[in-house]
Structure formats: structure tokens, C-alpha cells
Amino acid sequence: MSETLSRERIIEIVGKLGAERIVEIIDTGASERELVEAKMLALQQEMPSTEIPGVRVDVVHRLYDILRADLIDPNER
């Protein structure tokens, strides 16, 4: 089982986020690898069509949604 991500580690990986987003990320139970994968996907603005080896795809998708909420320009919503 992976160790729970800390607030500090989340900020190191994805940058400054609001407290609510950090809590959402922690609540997913994501691993560091899953968060890194979600960040990469969010920045590319696309999701892979196949499973990612070694990560829980459902968790990556949830993290992707959380991260995209902060990355999307408010004018695009």
C-alpha cells in the first residue's frame, strides 16, 4: 500500500493549490505516481485510451478532473 500524500508533497508535484483541492486530492488516496500521471495528462488536456500500467485508472481520472478544474481558463467554462 502506498503512503498518503502530504500537503507539502502535493504542492511540490502540482504547484500551489487551494486547501479544498488539496483535501480532494488527499481524499482520493492517490499515490505519488498517480498524481504525477494525472498532472501530465491534465497539462496535455487529453486522457489516454488505454490503461496505465501500475496505477489505478479511476484514481488518475478523478485527479485529472480535480487538476483540470484549476487549469481551465474561467472563460472556457
Protein backbone atom coordinates (compact mmCIF):
# COMPACT_ATOMS: atom_id res chain seq x y z
CA MET A 1 0.00 0.00 0.00
CA SER A 2 1.28 3.46 -0.88
CA GLU A 3 1.88 6.19 1.64
CA THR A 4 -0.67 9.02 1.79
CA LEU A 5 0.47 12.16 0.03
CA SER A 6 1.14 15.13 2.27
CA ARG A 7 0.01 18.69 1.54
CA GLU A 8 3.63 19.70 1.02
CA ARG A 9 4.33 16.87 -1.43
CA ILE A 10 1.17 17.64 -3.41
CA ILE A 11 2.29 21.26 -3.77
CA GLU A 12 5.77 20.12 -4.82
CA ILE A 13 4.23 17.97 -7.57
CA VAL A 14 1.45 20.18 -8.93
CA GLY A 15 2.20 23.65 -7.61
CA LYS A 16 0.12 25.93 -5.44
CA LEU A 17 -3.46 24.78 -4.95
CA GLY A 18 -6.27 25.88 -2.71
CA ALA A 19 -6.90 23.97 0.50
CA GLU A 20 -10.11 22.49 -0.90
CA ARG A 21 -8.31 20.99 -3.92
CA ILE A 22 -5.56 19.57 -1.69
CA VAL A 23 -8.16 17.89 0.52
CA GLU A 24 -9.88 16.47 -2.59
CA ILE A 25 -6.56 15.02 -3.76
CA ILE A 26 -5.77 13.51 -0.35
CA ASP A 27 -9.29 12.04 -0.17
CA THR A 28 -8.66 10.06 -3.38
CA GLY A 29 -5.97 8.03 -1.60
CA ALA A 30 -3.75 8.58 -4.63
CA SER A 31 -0.13 7.55 -4.82
CA GLU A 32 2.58 9.97 -5.87
CA ARG A 33 2.86 8.18 -9.21
CA GLU A 34 -0.88 8.54 -9.82
CA LEU A 35 -0.75 12.27 -9.06
CA VAL A 36 2.23 12.76 -11.38
CA GLU A 37 0.42 10.86 -14.14
CA ALA A 38 -2.74 12.94 -13.67
CA LYS A 39 -0.73 16.16 -13.76
CA MET A 40 0.94 15.16 -17.01
CA LEU A 41 -2.42 14.26 -18.53
CA ALA A 42 -4.07 17.48 -17.33
CA LEU A 43 -1.34 19.58 -18.87
CA GLN A 44 -1.72 17.71 -22.17
CA GLN A 45 -5.51 18.16 -21.98
CA GLU A 46 -6.21 14.58 -23.01
CA MET A 47 -6.83 11.22 -21.40
CA PRO A 48 -5.24 8.02 -22.66
CA SER A 49 -7.45 5.48 -24.34
CA THR A 50 -5.67 2.55 -22.67
CA GLU A 51 -4.86 1.63 -19.08
CA ILE A 52 -1.69 2.97 -17.49
CA PRO A 53 0.50 0.19 -16.04
CA GLY A 54 0.94 0.34 -12.27
CA VAL A 55 -1.72 2.93 -11.48
CA ARG A 56 -5.41 2.91 -10.67
CA VAL A 57 -7.01 4.50 -13.70
CA ASP A 58 -10.13 5.55 -11.81
CA VAL A 59 -7.97 7.47 -9.32
CA VAL A 60 -5.97 9.10 -12.11
CA HIS A 61 -9.23 10.16 -13.79
CA ARG A 62 -10.50 11.69 -10.53
CA LEU A 63 -7.20 13.52 -10.01
CA TYR A 64 -7.32 14.68 -13.62
CA ASP A 65 -10.76 16.20 -13.02
CA ILE A 66 -9.54 17.95 -9.86
CA LEU A 67 -6.45 19.36 -11.56
CA ARG A 68 -8.26 20.40 -14.73
CA ALA A 69 -10.75 22.38 -12.64
CA ASP A 70 -7.86 24.66 -11.62
CA LEU A 71 -6.16 24.68 -15.03
CA ILE A 72 -9.18 25.52 -17.21
CA ASP A 73 -9.50 29.18 -18.11
CA PRO A 74 -12.68 30.55 -16.46
CA ASN A 75 -13.69 31.92 -19.89
CA GLU A 76 -13.77 28.33 -21.24
CA ARG A 77 -16.30 27.13 -18.65
